[in-house]
Amino acid sequence: MFVDVVSFGAQAEAIAEHVAKGRQVAVTGRLSYQQWEADDGSKRSKHEVVANQVDFLSRPAGNGSEPAPAYAAGEEPY
């Protein structure tokens, strides 16, 4: 199952700047569930987390091995 994460404002801008495929994050927020009917008449639904806080845990390794250690926001890695 995939769960979308929704964020707004400055938090969303910071996430867009720093998140990439393989980046580990911890998300705190509320769970939201939506249902709708698609144009073809089929029923659709999804879960998403409306984020209150997103913490960057580690960056993906450049060579496909273990992820690089985490660092605090605004801090230069290494």
N, C-alpha and C. Protein backbone atom coordinates (compact mmCIF):
# COMPACT_ATOMS: atom_id res chain seq x y z
N MET A 1 0.84 -1.16 0.00
CA MET A 1 0.00 0.00 0.00
C MET A 1 0.89 1.24 0.00
N PHE A 2 0.53 2.21 -0.78
CA PHE A 2 1.22 3.48 -0.79
C PHE A 2 0.35 4.50 -0.07
N VAL A 3 0.96 5.35 0.72
CA VAL A 3 0.24 6.40 1.43
C VAL A 3 0.84 7.74 1.03
N ASP A 4 0.01 8.60 0.47
CA ASP A 4 0.47 9.94 0.11
C ASP A 4 0.64 10.78 1.36
N VAL A 5 1.59 11.73 1.31
CA VAL A 5 1.79 12.69 2.39
C VAL A 5 1.52 14.07 1.82
N VAL A 6 0.68 14.84 2.51
CA VAL A 6 0.30 16.17 2.07
C VAL A 6 0.88 17.19 3.04
N SER A 7 1.49 18.23 2.49
CA SER A 7 2.08 19.29 3.31
C SER A 7 1.83 20.62 2.61
N PHE A 8 1.87 21.72 3.37
CA PHE A 8 1.57 23.04 2.83
C PHE A 8 2.60 24.06 3.29
N GLY A 9 2.66 25.18 2.60
CA GLY A 9 3.44 26.34 3.02
C GLY A 9 4.94 26.10 3.02
N ALA A 10 5.61 26.72 4.00
CA ALA A 10 7.07 26.65 4.11
C ALA A 10 7.55 25.22 4.30
N GLN A 11 6.78 24.43 5.04
CA GLN A 11 7.16 23.02 5.24
C GLN A 11 7.19 22.29 3.90
N ALA A 12 6.19 22.51 3.07
CA ALA A 12 6.14 21.87 1.75
C ALA A 12 7.31 22.30 0.88
N GLU A 13 7.69 23.57 0.95
CA GLU A 13 8.82 24.07 0.17
C GLU A 13 10.12 23.41 0.61
N ALA A 14 10.33 23.25 1.92
CA ALA A 14 11.54 22.60 2.43
C ALA A 14 11.58 21.14 2.02
N ILE A 15 10.44 20.47 2.07
CA ILE A 15 10.38 19.07 1.67
C ILE A 15 10.71 18.94 0.18
N ALA A 16 10.11 19.79 -0.64
CA ALA A 16 10.36 19.73 -2.08
C ALA A 16 11.83 19.96 -2.41
N GLU A 17 12.50 20.78 -1.62
CA GLU A 17 13.91 21.08 -1.87
C GLU A 17 14.83 19.94 -1.46
N HIS A 18 14.47 19.20 -0.41
CA HIS A 18 15.40 18.22 0.15
C HIS A 18 15.04 16.75 -0.06
N VAL A 19 13.81 16.44 -0.38
CA VAL A 19 13.41 15.03 -0.49
C VAL A 19 13.74 14.51 -1.89
N ALA A 20 14.13 13.25 -1.95
CA ALA A 20 14.44 12.58 -3.21
C ALA A 20 14.13 11.10 -3.03
N LYS A 21 14.02 10.39 -4.11
CA LYS A 21 13.76 8.96 -4.06
C LYS A 21 14.83 8.29 -3.20
N GLY A 22 14.40 7.47 -2.28
CA GLY A 22 15.32 6.76 -1.40
C GLY A 22 15.60 7.48 -0.10
N ARG A 23 15.17 8.73 0.02
CA ARG A 23 15.40 9.51 1.24
C ARG A 23 14.46 9.03 2.33
N GLN A 24 14.98 8.68 3.48
CA GLN A 24 14.14 8.24 4.59
C GLN A 24 13.64 9.45 5.36
N VAL A 25 12.34 9.44 5.64
CA VAL A 25 11.72 10.52 6.40
C VAL A 25 10.81 9.92 7.46
N ALA A 26 10.59 10.69 8.53
CA ALA A 26 9.60 10.33 9.55
C ALA A 26 8.51 11.40 9.48
N VAL A 27 7.26 10.95 9.39
CA VAL A 27 6.14 11.87 9.23
C VAL A 27 5.20 11.74 10.42
N THR A 28 4.82 12.88 10.99
CA THR A 28 3.81 12.93 12.04
C THR A 28 2.66 13.78 11.52
N GLY A 29 1.44 13.27 11.66
CA GLY A 29 0.29 14.03 11.18
C GLY A 29 -0.99 13.27 11.40
N ARG A 30 -2.02 13.68 10.69
CA ARG A 30 -3.32 13.01 10.83
C ARG A 30 -3.63 12.24 9.56
N LEU A 31 -4.31 11.12 9.73
CA LEU A 31 -4.68 10.27 8.62
C LEU A 31 -5.99 10.76 8.02
N SER A 32 -6.03 10.85 6.70
CA SER A 32 -7.23 11.27 5.99
C SER A 32 -7.59 10.19 4.98
N TYR A 33 -8.90 9.94 4.81
CA TYR A 33 -9.38 8.93 3.87
C TYR A 33 -10.36 9.60 2.92
N GLN A 34 -10.18 9.36 1.62
CA GLN A 34 -11.06 9.95 0.62
C GLN A 34 -11.63 8.87 -0.28
N GLN A 35 -12.87 9.05 -0.69
CA GLN A 35 -13.53 8.16 -1.65
C GLN A 35 -14.12 9.03 -2.75
N TRP A 36 -14.10 8.52 -3.98
CA TRP A 36 -14.72 9.22 -5.09
C TRP A 36 -15.05 8.24 -6.19
N GLU A 37 -15.83 8.72 -7.13
CA GLU A 37 -16.20 7.92 -8.29
C GLU A 37 -15.46 8.48 -9.50
N ALA A 38 -14.71 7.62 -10.19
CA ALA A 38 -13.94 8.04 -11.36
C ALA A 38 -14.87 8.28 -12.55
N ASP A 39 -14.34 8.89 -13.59
CA ASP A 39 -15.12 9.19 -14.79
C ASP A 39 -15.74 7.94 -15.41
N ASP A 40 -15.05 6.80 -15.26
CA ASP A 40 -15.56 5.54 -15.83
C ASP A 40 -16.59 4.85 -14.92
N GLY A 41 -16.95 5.49 -13.80
CA GLY A 41 -17.95 4.95 -12.89
C GLY A 41 -17.40 4.06 -11.80
N SER A 42 -16.10 3.76 -11.83
CA SER A 42 -15.51 2.90 -10.80
C SER A 42 -15.31 3.69 -9.51
N LYS A 43 -15.38 2.97 -8.40
CA LYS A 43 -15.16 3.57 -7.08
C LYS A 43 -13.67 3.61 -6.79
N ARG A 44 -13.19 4.73 -6.31
CA ARG A 44 -11.79 4.89 -5.95
C ARG A 44 -11.69 5.39 -4.52
N SER A 45 -10.56 5.10 -3.88
CA SER A 45 -10.32 5.59 -2.53
C SER A 45 -8.82 5.67 -2.29
N LYS A 46 -8.44 6.47 -1.31
CA LYS A 46 -7.03 6.55 -0.93
C LYS A 46 -6.90 7.07 0.49
N HIS A 47 -5.80 6.68 1.12
CA HIS A 47 -5.40 7.21 2.42
C HIS A 47 -4.29 8.22 2.16
N GLU A 48 -4.23 9.25 2.99
CA GLU A 48 -3.11 10.18 2.94
C GLU A 48 -2.87 10.71 4.35
N VAL A 49 -1.64 11.12 4.59
CA VAL A 49 -1.28 11.73 5.87
C VAL A 49 -1.12 13.22 5.63
N VAL A 50 -1.85 14.03 6.39
CA VAL A 50 -1.70 15.47 6.36
C VAL A 50 -0.62 15.78 7.40
N ALA A 51 0.56 16.15 6.93
CA ALA A 51 1.75 16.23 7.78
C ALA A 51 1.73 17.44 8.71
N ASN A 52 2.03 17.19 9.98
CA ASN A 52 2.31 18.25 10.94
C ASN A 52 3.82 18.48 11.02
N GLN A 53 4.58 17.38 10.92
CA GLN A 53 6.03 17.45 11.03
C GLN A 53 6.65 16.39 10.14
N VAL A 54 7.72 16.77 9.45
CA VAL A 54 8.48 15.83 8.62
C VAL A 54 9.94 15.97 9.00
N ASP A 55 10.56 14.87 9.42
CA ASP A 55 11.98 14.85 9.79
C ASP A 55 12.74 14.04 8.76
N PHE A 56 13.85 14.58 8.28
CA PHE A 56 14.70 13.87 7.33
C PHE A 56 15.64 12.96 8.12
N LEU A 57 15.56 11.66 7.89
CA LEU A 57 16.33 10.70 8.67
C LEU A 57 17.68 10.38 8.06
N SER A 58 17.73 10.11 6.77
CA SER A 58 19.01 9.82 6.13
C SER A 58 18.88 10.08 4.65
N ARG A 59 20.01 10.32 4.03
CA ARG A 59 20.06 10.52 2.59
C ARG A 59 20.41 9.21 1.92
N PRO A 60 19.94 9.01 0.69
CA PRO A 60 20.33 7.78 -0.01
C PRO A 60 21.82 7.79 -0.31
N ALA A 61 22.45 6.64 -0.24
CA ALA A 61 23.87 6.53 -0.57
C ALA A 61 24.05 6.67 -2.06
N GLY A 62 25.15 7.26 -2.47
CA GLY A 62 25.41 7.46 -3.89
C GLY A 62 25.78 6.19 -4.62
N ASN A 63 26.22 5.16 -3.88
CA ASN A 63 26.70 3.94 -4.54
C ASN A 63 25.75 2.76 -4.38
N GLY A 64 24.54 2.99 -3.87
CA GLY A 64 23.56 1.92 -3.74
C GLY A 64 23.72 1.06 -2.51
N SER A 65 24.66 1.40 -1.62
CA SER A 65 24.83 0.60 -0.40
C SER A 65 24.02 1.23 0.73
N GLU A 66 24.57 1.28 1.91
CA GLU A 66 23.86 1.81 3.06
C GLU A 66 23.60 3.31 2.90
N PRO A 67 22.46 3.80 3.44
CA PRO A 67 22.18 5.24 3.35
C PRO A 67 23.17 6.04 4.18
N ALA A 68 23.41 7.26 3.73
CA ALA A 68 24.30 8.17 4.46
C ALA A 68 23.60 8.61 5.74
N PRO A 69 24.35 9.00 6.78
CA PRO A 69 23.73 9.40 8.03
C PRO A 69 22.89 10.67 7.88
N ALA A 70 21.95 10.83 8.77
CA ALA A 70 21.06 12.00 8.76
C ALA A 70 21.82 13.24 9.23
N TYR A 71 21.30 14.38 8.86
CA TYR A 71 21.82 15.63 9.38
C TYR A 71 20.66 16.58 9.61
N ALA A 72 20.86 17.56 10.47
CA ALA A 72 19.80 18.50 10.82
C ALA A 72 19.52 19.46 9.68
N ALA A 73 18.30 19.93 9.60
CA ALA A 73 17.94 20.89 8.56
C ALA A 73 18.81 22.13 8.68
N GLY A 74 19.30 22.62 7.57
CA GLY A 74 20.15 23.80 7.55
C GLY A 74 21.62 23.51 7.79
N GLU A 75 21.96 22.32 8.20
CA GLU A 75 23.34 21.94 8.47
C GLU A 75 23.94 21.34 7.19
N GLU A 76 25.15 21.72 6.89
CA GLU A 76 25.82 21.18 5.71
C GLU A 76 26.29 19.76 5.99
N PRO A 77 25.99 18.82 5.09
CA PRO A 77 26.48 17.45 5.30
C PRO A 77 27.99 17.39 5.16
N TYR A 78 28.64 16.74 6.09
CA TYR A 78 30.08 16.50 6.10
C TYR A 78 30.80 17.80 6.02
